[in-house]
């Protein structure tokens, strides 16, 4: 299966997709599915991206990467026209799951803050951004949170 995977990633997109479909329940099939999802996202095919990210999440259910795929599926669902309340539920589940990687929880918080900012819920955005600051291993999301915080209206900065 590993040698077949190596051939698939260097072949046409259809070959990788076939591999992902054939090995959908295996961890390596999850990686292939995630890659297919990424390729679909790059060309704006959000429906296909969501489908393959969900397959990856299922294949990675018992791994740390499960949340990464769940996060990607949640975001692409909304980009495909899905409802933002559903996104909020999925993000909240990732944020509150202490078993998730810190980076996944931080990313989910940042997306929450960004969504709140877009709908002018500045208090909610501020709360999510402050929560990111409390995650020691939030990585790049701490920097992004700091940048977004400067975009909040002055009245929200010191609250």
N, C-alpha and C. Protein backbone atom coordinates (compact mmCIF):
# COMPACT_ATOMS: atom_id res chain seq x y z
N UNK A 1 0.83 -1.19 0.00
CA UNK A 1 0.00 0.00 0.00
C UNK A 1 0.88 1.26 0.00
N UNK A 2 2.00 1.24 0.72
CA UNK A 2 2.85 2.43 0.78
C UNK A 2 3.47 2.77 -0.57
N UNK A 3 3.92 1.76 -1.28
CA UNK A 3 4.50 2.04 -2.60
C UNK A 3 3.43 2.52 -3.57
N UNK A 4 2.23 1.97 -3.44
CA UNK A 4 1.11 2.42 -4.27
C UNK A 4 0.78 3.90 -3.96
N UNK A 5 0.86 4.27 -2.68
CA UNK A 5 0.62 5.65 -2.27
C UNK A 5 1.66 6.58 -2.89
N UNK A 6 2.92 6.17 -2.84
CA UNK A 6 3.99 7.01 -3.40
C UNK A 6 3.80 7.24 -4.89
N UNK A 7 3.35 6.22 -5.59
CA UNK A 7 3.05 6.36 -7.02
C UNK A 7 1.87 7.31 -7.20
N UNK A 8 0.85 7.15 -6.36
CA UNK A 8 -0.38 7.95 -6.49
C UNK A 8 -0.11 9.43 -6.28
N UNK A 9 0.75 9.78 -5.33
CA UNK A 9 0.97 11.21 -5.08
C UNK A 9 1.78 11.88 -6.18
N UNK A 10 2.50 11.07 -6.95
CA UNK A 10 3.27 11.63 -8.07
C UNK A 10 2.54 11.50 -9.41
N UNK A 11 1.31 11.02 -9.37
CA UNK A 11 0.54 10.80 -10.59
C UNK A 11 -0.53 11.88 -10.75
N UNK A 12 -1.40 11.68 -11.69
CA UNK A 12 -2.49 12.63 -11.92
C UNK A 12 -3.42 12.64 -10.71
N UNK A 13 -4.16 13.73 -10.52
CA UNK A 13 -5.06 13.82 -9.36
C UNK A 13 -6.05 12.65 -9.26
N UNK A 14 -6.48 12.14 -10.40
CA UNK A 14 -7.42 11.02 -10.38
C UNK A 14 -6.85 9.76 -9.75
N UNK A 15 -5.56 9.55 -9.91
CA UNK A 15 -4.92 8.36 -9.34
C UNK A 15 -4.91 8.47 -7.81
N UNK A 16 -4.60 9.64 -7.29
CA UNK A 16 -4.61 9.85 -5.84
C UNK A 16 -6.03 9.70 -5.30
N UNK A 17 -6.99 10.23 -6.03
CA UNK A 17 -8.39 10.11 -5.61
C UNK A 17 -8.83 8.65 -5.57
N UNK A 18 -8.44 7.87 -6.59
CA UNK A 18 -8.76 6.43 -6.60
C UNK A 18 -8.14 5.74 -5.39
N UNK A 19 -6.89 6.08 -5.08
CA UNK A 19 -6.22 5.50 -3.92
C UNK A 19 -6.99 5.87 -2.64
N UNK A 20 -7.36 7.14 -2.53
CA UNK A 20 -8.10 7.61 -1.35
C UNK A 20 -9.42 6.86 -1.21
N UNK A 21 -10.11 6.65 -2.29
CA UNK A 21 -11.39 5.93 -2.25
C UNK A 21 -11.20 4.46 -1.86
N UNK A 22 -10.17 3.84 -2.43
CA UNK A 22 -9.91 2.42 -2.16
C UNK A 22 -9.50 2.17 -0.71
N UNK A 23 -8.73 3.07 -0.14
CA UNK A 23 -8.20 2.87 1.21
C UNK A 23 -8.78 3.88 2.21
N UNK A 24 -10.02 4.23 2.02
CA UNK A 24 -10.67 5.28 2.82
C UNK A 24 -10.65 4.99 4.32
N UNK A 25 -10.64 3.75 4.71
CA UNK A 25 -10.70 3.42 6.14
C UNK A 25 -9.31 3.25 6.77
N UNK A 26 -8.28 3.37 5.97
CA UNK A 26 -6.90 3.22 6.46
C UNK A 26 -6.30 4.61 6.72
N UNK A 27 -5.33 4.67 7.60
CA UNK A 27 -4.70 5.96 7.91
C UNK A 27 -4.02 6.56 6.69
N UNK A 28 -3.37 5.73 5.88
CA UNK A 28 -2.72 6.25 4.68
C UNK A 28 -3.78 6.71 3.67
N UNK A 29 -4.90 6.03 3.64
CA UNK A 29 -6.02 6.49 2.82
C UNK A 29 -6.54 7.83 3.31
N UNK A 30 -6.48 8.04 4.64
CA UNK A 30 -6.86 9.33 5.21
C UNK A 30 -5.94 10.44 4.73
N UNK A 31 -4.65 10.14 4.68
CA UNK A 31 -3.69 11.13 4.18
C UNK A 31 -3.97 11.45 2.72
N UNK A 32 -4.23 10.42 1.93
CA UNK A 32 -4.56 10.64 0.52
C UNK A 32 -5.84 11.46 0.40
N UNK A 33 -6.82 11.15 1.23
CA UNK A 33 -8.08 11.90 1.21
C UNK A 33 -7.86 13.36 1.57
N UNK A 34 -7.03 13.59 2.57
CA UNK A 34 -6.73 14.96 2.97
C UNK A 34 -6.04 15.71 1.82
N UNK A 35 -5.15 15.04 1.13
CA UNK A 35 -4.46 15.65 0.00
C UNK A 35 -5.43 15.96 -1.14
N UNK A 36 -6.37 15.04 -1.38
CA UNK A 36 -7.40 15.28 -2.41
C UNK A 36 -8.25 16.48 -1.99
N UNK A 37 -8.59 16.55 -0.70
CA UNK A 37 -9.34 17.69 -0.20
C UNK A 37 -8.59 18.99 -0.41
N UNK A 38 -7.29 18.98 -0.14
CA UNK A 38 -6.48 20.19 -0.35
C UNK A 38 -6.46 20.60 -1.82
N UNK A 39 -6.31 19.63 -2.69
CA UNK A 39 -6.29 19.95 -4.13
C UNK A 39 -7.64 20.51 -4.57
N UNK A 40 -8.72 19.94 -4.05
CA UNK A 40 -10.06 20.43 -4.41
C UNK A 40 -10.26 21.85 -3.88
N UNK A 41 -9.77 22.10 -2.69
CA UNK A 41 -9.88 23.45 -2.11
C UNK A 41 -9.12 24.47 -2.96
N UNK A 42 -7.95 24.09 -3.44
CA UNK A 42 -7.14 25.01 -4.26
C UNK A 42 -7.85 25.46 -5.53
N UNK A 43 -8.71 24.62 -6.06
CA UNK A 43 -9.44 24.98 -7.29
C UNK A 43 -10.87 25.43 -7.01
N UNK A 44 -11.19 25.61 -5.71
CA UNK A 44 -12.50 26.13 -5.34
C UNK A 44 -13.63 25.12 -5.35
N UNK A 45 -13.31 23.83 -5.37
CA UNK A 45 -14.34 22.80 -5.32
C UNK A 45 -14.57 22.43 -3.85
N UNK A 46 -15.36 23.27 -3.17
CA UNK A 46 -15.55 23.12 -1.73
C UNK A 46 -16.33 21.86 -1.37
N UNK A 47 -17.27 21.49 -2.20
CA UNK A 47 -18.06 20.28 -1.93
C UNK A 47 -17.15 19.04 -1.91
N UNK A 48 -16.30 18.92 -2.90
CA UNK A 48 -15.38 17.79 -2.96
C UNK A 48 -14.37 17.87 -1.81
N UNK A 49 -13.89 19.07 -1.51
CA UNK A 49 -12.94 19.23 -0.41
C UNK A 49 -13.57 18.76 0.89
N UNK A 50 -14.80 19.19 1.16
CA UNK A 50 -15.51 18.78 2.37
C UNK A 50 -15.65 17.27 2.43
N UNK A 51 -16.02 16.67 1.31
CA UNK A 51 -16.21 15.22 1.24
C UNK A 51 -14.92 14.48 1.61
N UNK A 52 -13.81 14.90 1.04
CA UNK A 52 -12.55 14.19 1.29
C UNK A 52 -11.95 14.52 2.65
N UNK A 53 -12.19 15.72 3.16
CA UNK A 53 -11.74 16.01 4.53
C UNK A 53 -12.53 15.16 5.53
N UNK A 54 -13.81 14.95 5.27
CA UNK A 54 -14.62 14.10 6.15
C UNK A 54 -14.13 12.65 6.10
N UNK A 55 -13.75 12.18 4.92
CA UNK A 55 -13.19 10.83 4.80
C UNK A 55 -11.89 10.73 5.60
N UNK A 56 -11.05 11.76 5.49
CA UNK A 56 -9.80 11.79 6.26
C UNK A 56 -10.09 11.77 7.76
N UNK A 57 -11.07 12.55 8.20
CA UNK A 57 -11.41 12.58 9.63
C UNK A 57 -11.83 11.20 10.11
N UNK A 58 -12.61 10.50 9.31
CA UNK A 58 -13.03 9.14 9.69
C UNK A 58 -11.85 8.18 9.75
N UNK A 59 -10.96 8.29 8.78
CA UNK A 59 -9.79 7.40 8.74
C UNK A 59 -8.84 7.69 9.90
N UNK A 60 -8.81 8.92 10.35
CA UNK A 60 -7.88 9.33 11.41
C UNK A 60 -8.55 9.41 12.78
N UNK A 61 -9.70 8.76 12.93
CA UNK A 61 -10.49 8.91 14.15
C UNK A 61 -9.69 8.68 15.44
N UNK A 62 -8.81 7.75 15.45
CA UNK A 62 -8.05 7.45 16.66
C UNK A 62 -6.68 8.12 16.68
N UNK A 63 -6.52 9.19 15.93
CA UNK A 63 -5.21 9.86 15.86
C UNK A 63 -5.35 11.34 16.21
N UNK A 64 -4.23 11.99 16.42
CA UNK A 64 -4.21 13.42 16.69
C UNK A 64 -4.64 14.25 15.47
N UNK A 65 -4.58 13.66 14.29
CA UNK A 65 -4.93 14.40 13.08
C UNK A 65 -6.43 14.46 12.82
N UNK A 66 -7.19 13.73 13.61
CA UNK A 66 -8.64 13.72 13.46
C UNK A 66 -9.21 15.14 13.48
N UNK A 67 -8.79 15.94 14.45
CA UNK A 67 -9.28 17.31 14.58
C UNK A 67 -8.87 18.20 13.42
N UNK A 68 -7.69 17.96 12.88
CA UNK A 68 -7.23 18.75 11.72
C UNK A 68 -8.20 18.56 10.56
N UNK A 69 -8.54 17.32 10.30
CA UNK A 69 -9.47 17.02 9.20
C UNK A 69 -10.88 17.53 9.51
N UNK A 70 -11.30 17.41 10.77
CA UNK A 70 -12.62 17.93 11.15
C UNK A 70 -12.70 19.43 10.93
N UNK A 71 -11.65 20.12 11.32
CA UNK A 71 -11.61 21.57 11.15
C UNK A 71 -11.68 21.95 9.66
N UNK A 72 -10.91 21.27 8.85
CA UNK A 72 -10.93 21.54 7.41
C UNK A 72 -12.31 21.28 6.82
N UNK A 73 -12.94 20.17 7.22
CA UNK A 73 -14.28 19.84 6.71
C UNK A 73 -15.30 20.90 7.14
N UNK A 74 -15.21 21.37 8.37
CA UNK A 74 -16.15 22.38 8.86
C UNK A 74 -16.03 23.67 8.07
N UNK A 75 -14.81 24.10 7.84
CA UNK A 75 -14.59 25.37 7.13
C UNK A 75 -15.04 25.26 5.67
N UNK A 76 -14.70 24.17 5.01
CA UNK A 76 -15.08 24.05 3.60
C UNK A 76 -16.58 23.87 3.43
N UNK A 77 -17.25 23.30 4.43
CA UNK A 77 -18.71 23.18 4.36
C UNK A 77 -19.34 24.57 4.25
N UNK A 78 -18.86 25.49 5.06
CA UNK A 78 -19.40 26.86 5.02
C UNK A 78 -19.02 27.54 3.71
N UNK A 79 -17.79 27.32 3.26
CA UNK A 79 -17.37 27.93 1.98
C UNK A 79 -18.21 27.41 0.83
N UNK A 80 -18.79 26.21 1.01
CA UNK A 80 -19.65 25.62 -0.02
C UNK A 80 -21.09 26.10 0.13
N UNK A 81 -21.34 27.01 1.06
CA UNK A 81 -22.69 27.54 1.23
C UNK A 81 -23.42 26.96 2.43
N UNK A 82 -22.73 26.17 3.23
CA UNK A 82 -23.34 25.60 4.43
C UNK A 82 -23.65 26.67 5.46
N UNK A 83 -24.41 26.29 6.45
CA UNK A 83 -24.89 27.28 7.42
C UNK A 83 -23.85 27.55 8.50
N UNK A 84 -23.70 28.82 8.84
CA UNK A 84 -22.66 29.23 9.77
C UNK A 84 -22.95 28.78 11.20
N UNK A 85 -24.21 28.53 11.54
CA UNK A 85 -24.54 28.01 12.88
C UNK A 85 -23.94 26.61 13.03
N UNK A 86 -23.98 25.84 11.97
CA UNK A 86 -23.38 24.50 11.99
C UNK A 86 -21.86 24.61 12.16
N UNK A 87 -21.26 25.58 11.47
CA UNK A 87 -19.83 25.81 11.64
C UNK A 87 -19.53 26.14 13.09
N UNK A 88 -20.31 27.00 13.68
CA UNK A 88 -20.11 27.42 15.07
C UNK A 88 -20.17 26.21 16.01
N UNK A 89 -21.12 25.32 15.78
CA UNK A 89 -21.23 24.11 16.61
C UNK A 89 -19.99 23.24 16.48
N UNK A 90 -19.55 23.07 15.25
CA UNK A 90 -18.37 22.22 15.02
C UNK A 90 -17.11 22.84 15.63
N UNK A 91 -16.97 24.15 15.47
CA UNK A 91 -15.82 24.83 16.06
C UNK A 91 -15.86 24.75 17.58
N UNK A 92 -17.03 24.94 18.16
CA UNK A 92 -17.17 24.87 19.62
C UNK A 92 -16.79 23.49 20.13
N UNK A 93 -17.18 22.47 19.40
CA UNK A 93 -16.83 21.10 19.81
C UNK A 93 -15.31 20.90 19.78
N UNK A 94 -14.66 21.41 18.77
CA UNK A 94 -13.20 21.29 18.68
C UNK A 94 -12.52 22.10 19.79
N UNK A 95 -13.01 23.30 20.04
CA UNK A 95 -12.42 24.18 21.05
C UNK A 95 -12.52 23.56 22.44
N UNK A 96 -13.66 22.97 22.74
CA UNK A 96 -13.89 22.44 24.09
C UNK A 96 -13.30 21.06 24.32
N UNK A 97 -12.82 20.42 23.27
CA UNK A 97 -12.25 19.06 23.38
C UNK A 97 -10.78 19.14 23.79
N UNK A 98 -10.52 18.87 25.05
CA UNK A 98 -9.15 18.97 25.56
C UNK A 98 -8.20 17.94 24.96
N UNK A 99 -8.73 16.96 24.27
CA UNK A 99 -7.90 15.95 23.61
C UNK A 99 -7.36 16.42 22.27
N UNK A 100 -7.92 17.51 21.76
CA UNK A 100 -7.46 18.04 20.47
C UNK A 100 -6.08 18.66 20.62
N UNK A 101 -5.35 18.68 19.54
CA UNK A 101 -4.08 19.37 19.52
C UNK A 101 -4.31 20.85 19.84
N UNK A 102 -3.38 21.45 20.57
CA UNK A 102 -3.49 22.88 20.90
C UNK A 102 -3.63 23.73 19.64
N UNK A 103 -2.89 23.37 18.62
CA UNK A 103 -2.91 24.15 17.37
C UNK A 103 -4.29 24.09 16.70
N UNK A 104 -4.96 22.95 16.82
CA UNK A 104 -6.31 22.79 16.24
C UNK A 104 -7.29 23.65 17.03
N UNK A 105 -7.21 23.59 18.37
CA UNK A 105 -8.09 24.41 19.20
C UNK A 105 -7.86 25.89 18.93
N UNK A 106 -6.59 26.29 18.79
CA UNK A 106 -6.27 27.70 18.51
C UNK A 106 -6.82 28.11 17.14
N UNK A 107 -6.67 27.26 16.15
CA UNK A 107 -7.20 27.57 14.81
C UNK A 107 -8.72 27.71 14.85
N UNK A 108 -9.39 26.81 15.58
CA UNK A 108 -10.85 26.89 15.69
C UNK A 108 -11.27 28.18 16.39
N UNK A 109 -10.51 28.58 17.41
CA UNK A 109 -10.79 29.86 18.09
C UNK A 109 -10.58 31.04 17.15
N UNK A 110 -9.53 30.99 16.35
CA UNK A 110 -9.26 32.09 15.43
C UNK A 110 -10.38 32.20 14.39
N UNK A 111 -10.82 31.08 13.86
CA UNK A 111 -11.91 31.10 12.88
C UNK A 111 -13.18 31.64 13.53
N UNK A 112 -13.40 31.26 14.79
CA UNK A 112 -14.54 31.79 15.54
C UNK A 112 -14.42 33.31 15.67
N UNK A 113 -13.24 33.79 16.04
CA UNK A 113 -13.01 35.23 16.19
C UNK A 113 -13.23 35.95 14.86
N UNK A 114 -12.72 35.37 13.80
CA UNK A 114 -12.86 35.97 12.48
C UNK A 114 -14.34 36.06 12.08
N UNK A 115 -15.07 34.99 12.33
CA UNK A 115 -16.50 35.00 12.03
C UNK A 115 -17.21 36.06 12.87
N UNK A 116 -16.91 36.12 14.16
CA UNK A 116 -17.53 37.13 15.02
C UNK A 116 -17.18 38.54 14.54
N UNK A 117 -15.95 38.73 14.15
CA UNK A 117 -15.52 40.04 13.65
C UNK A 117 -16.33 40.42 12.40
N UNK A 118 -16.51 39.47 11.50
CA UNK A 118 -17.23 39.74 10.25
C UNK A 118 -18.69 40.13 10.49
N UNK A 119 -19.30 39.55 11.55
CA UNK A 119 -20.71 39.87 11.84
C UNK A 119 -20.82 40.96 12.90
N UNK A 120 -19.69 41.62 13.18
CA UNK A 120 -19.62 42.75 14.11
C UNK A 120 -19.95 42.37 15.56
N UNK A 121 -19.70 41.10 15.90
CA UNK A 121 -19.80 40.66 17.29
C UNK A 121 -18.40 40.81 17.88
N UNK A 122 -18.03 42.04 18.15
CA UNK A 122 -16.66 42.33 18.58
C UNK A 122 -16.35 41.77 19.96
N UNK A 123 -17.33 41.70 20.83
CA UNK A 123 -17.10 41.12 22.16
C UNK A 123 -16.77 39.63 22.02
N UNK A 124 -17.49 38.95 21.16
CA UNK A 124 -17.21 37.52 20.92
C UNK A 124 -15.84 37.32 20.30
N UNK A 125 -15.50 38.20 19.36
CA UNK A 125 -14.17 38.11 18.72
C UNK A 125 -13.08 38.32 19.75
N UNK A 126 -13.25 39.33 20.60
CA UNK A 126 -12.26 39.62 21.63
C UNK A 126 -12.09 38.43 22.58
N UNK A 127 -13.19 37.82 22.96
CA UNK A 127 -13.15 36.66 23.86
C UNK A 127 -12.38 35.49 23.23
N UNK A 128 -12.65 35.22 21.97
CA UNK A 128 -11.95 34.13 21.28
C UNK A 128 -10.46 34.44 21.14
N UNK A 129 -10.13 35.68 20.82
CA UNK A 129 -8.73 36.06 20.67
C UNK A 129 -7.98 35.95 21.99
N UNK A 130 -8.63 36.32 23.07
CA UNK A 130 -7.99 36.19 24.39
C UNK A 130 -7.80 34.73 24.77
N UNK A 131 -8.72 33.88 24.36
CA UNK A 131 -8.59 32.45 24.64
C UNK A 131 -7.37 31.87 23.91
N UNK A 132 -7.10 32.37 22.71
CA UNK A 132 -5.93 31.90 21.96
C UNK A 132 -4.66 32.25 22.74
N UNK A 133 -4.62 33.43 23.32
CA UNK A 133 -3.45 33.86 24.09
C UNK A 133 -3.13 32.91 25.24
N UNK A 134 -4.14 32.21 25.74
CA UNK A 134 -3.97 31.31 26.89
C UNK A 134 -3.51 29.91 26.49
N UNK A 135 -3.41 29.66 25.20
CA UNK A 135 -2.97 28.34 24.72
C UNK A 135 -1.47 28.42 24.46
N UNK A 136 -0.67 27.75 25.29
CA UNK A 136 0.79 27.89 25.18
C UNK A 136 1.37 27.46 23.83
N UNK A 137 0.77 26.49 23.19
CA UNK A 137 1.32 25.97 21.94
C UNK A 137 0.45 26.35 20.75
N UNK A 138 -0.05 27.57 20.76
CA UNK A 138 -0.95 28.01 19.69
C UNK A 138 -0.20 28.39 18.42
N UNK A 139 1.11 28.54 18.52
CA UNK A 139 1.93 28.80 17.34
C UNK A 139 1.51 30.04 16.58
N UNK A 140 1.42 29.92 15.29
CA UNK A 140 1.11 31.03 14.39
C UNK A 140 -0.22 31.69 14.72
N UNK A 141 -1.12 30.94 15.35
CA UNK A 141 -2.45 31.48 15.65
C UNK A 141 -2.37 32.59 16.69
N UNK A 142 -1.36 32.57 17.56
CA UNK A 142 -1.18 33.68 18.50
C UNK A 142 -0.81 34.95 17.75
N UNK A 143 0.05 34.83 16.76
CA UNK A 143 0.43 36.00 15.96
C UNK A 143 -0.78 36.52 15.19
N UNK A 144 -1.51 35.63 14.56
CA UNK A 144 -2.69 36.03 13.81
C UNK A 144 -3.72 36.70 14.73
N UNK A 145 -3.86 36.14 15.94
CA UNK A 145 -4.80 36.70 16.90
C UNK A 145 -4.40 38.12 17.29
N UNK A 146 -3.11 38.34 17.49
CA UNK A 146 -2.62 39.68 17.84
C UNK A 146 -2.92 40.67 16.72
N UNK A 147 -2.71 40.24 15.50
CA UNK A 147 -2.97 41.13 14.34
C UNK A 147 -4.45 41.45 14.24
N UNK A 148 -5.31 40.43 14.39
CA UNK A 148 -6.75 40.66 14.31
C UNK A 148 -7.22 41.55 15.47
N UNK A 149 -6.63 41.39 16.64
CA UNK A 149 -7.02 42.20 17.79
C UNK A 149 -6.82 43.69 17.51
N UNK A 150 -5.79 44.03 16.76
CA UNK A 150 -5.56 45.43 16.41
C UNK A 150 -6.63 45.97 15.46
N UNK A 151 -7.38 45.11 14.84
CA UNK A 151 -8.44 45.53 13.93
C UNK A 151 -9.76 45.79 14.66
N UNK A 152 -9.84 45.37 15.92
CA UNK A 152 -11.06 45.61 16.68
C UNK A 152 -11.25 47.12 16.89
N UNK A 153 -12.48 47.57 16.94
CA UNK A 153 -12.72 48.98 17.23
C UNK A 153 -12.07 49.36 18.57
N UNK A 154 -11.61 50.58 18.68
CA UNK A 154 -10.92 51.06 19.90
C UNK A 154 -11.74 50.78 21.14
N UNK A 155 -13.05 50.92 21.04
CA UNK A 155 -13.91 50.72 22.21
C UNK A 155 -13.85 49.28 22.72
N UNK A 156 -13.43 48.35 21.89
CA UNK A 156 -13.35 46.93 22.26
C UNK A 156 -11.97 46.51 22.74
N UNK A 157 -10.97 47.30 22.47
CA UNK A 157 -9.59 46.89 22.75
C UNK A 157 -9.30 46.75 24.23
N UNK A 158 -9.84 47.61 25.06
CA UNK A 158 -9.46 47.62 26.47
C UNK A 158 -10.49 46.97 27.38
N UNK A 159 -11.45 46.33 26.84
CA UNK A 159 -12.48 45.70 27.66
C UNK A 159 -12.07 44.32 28.11
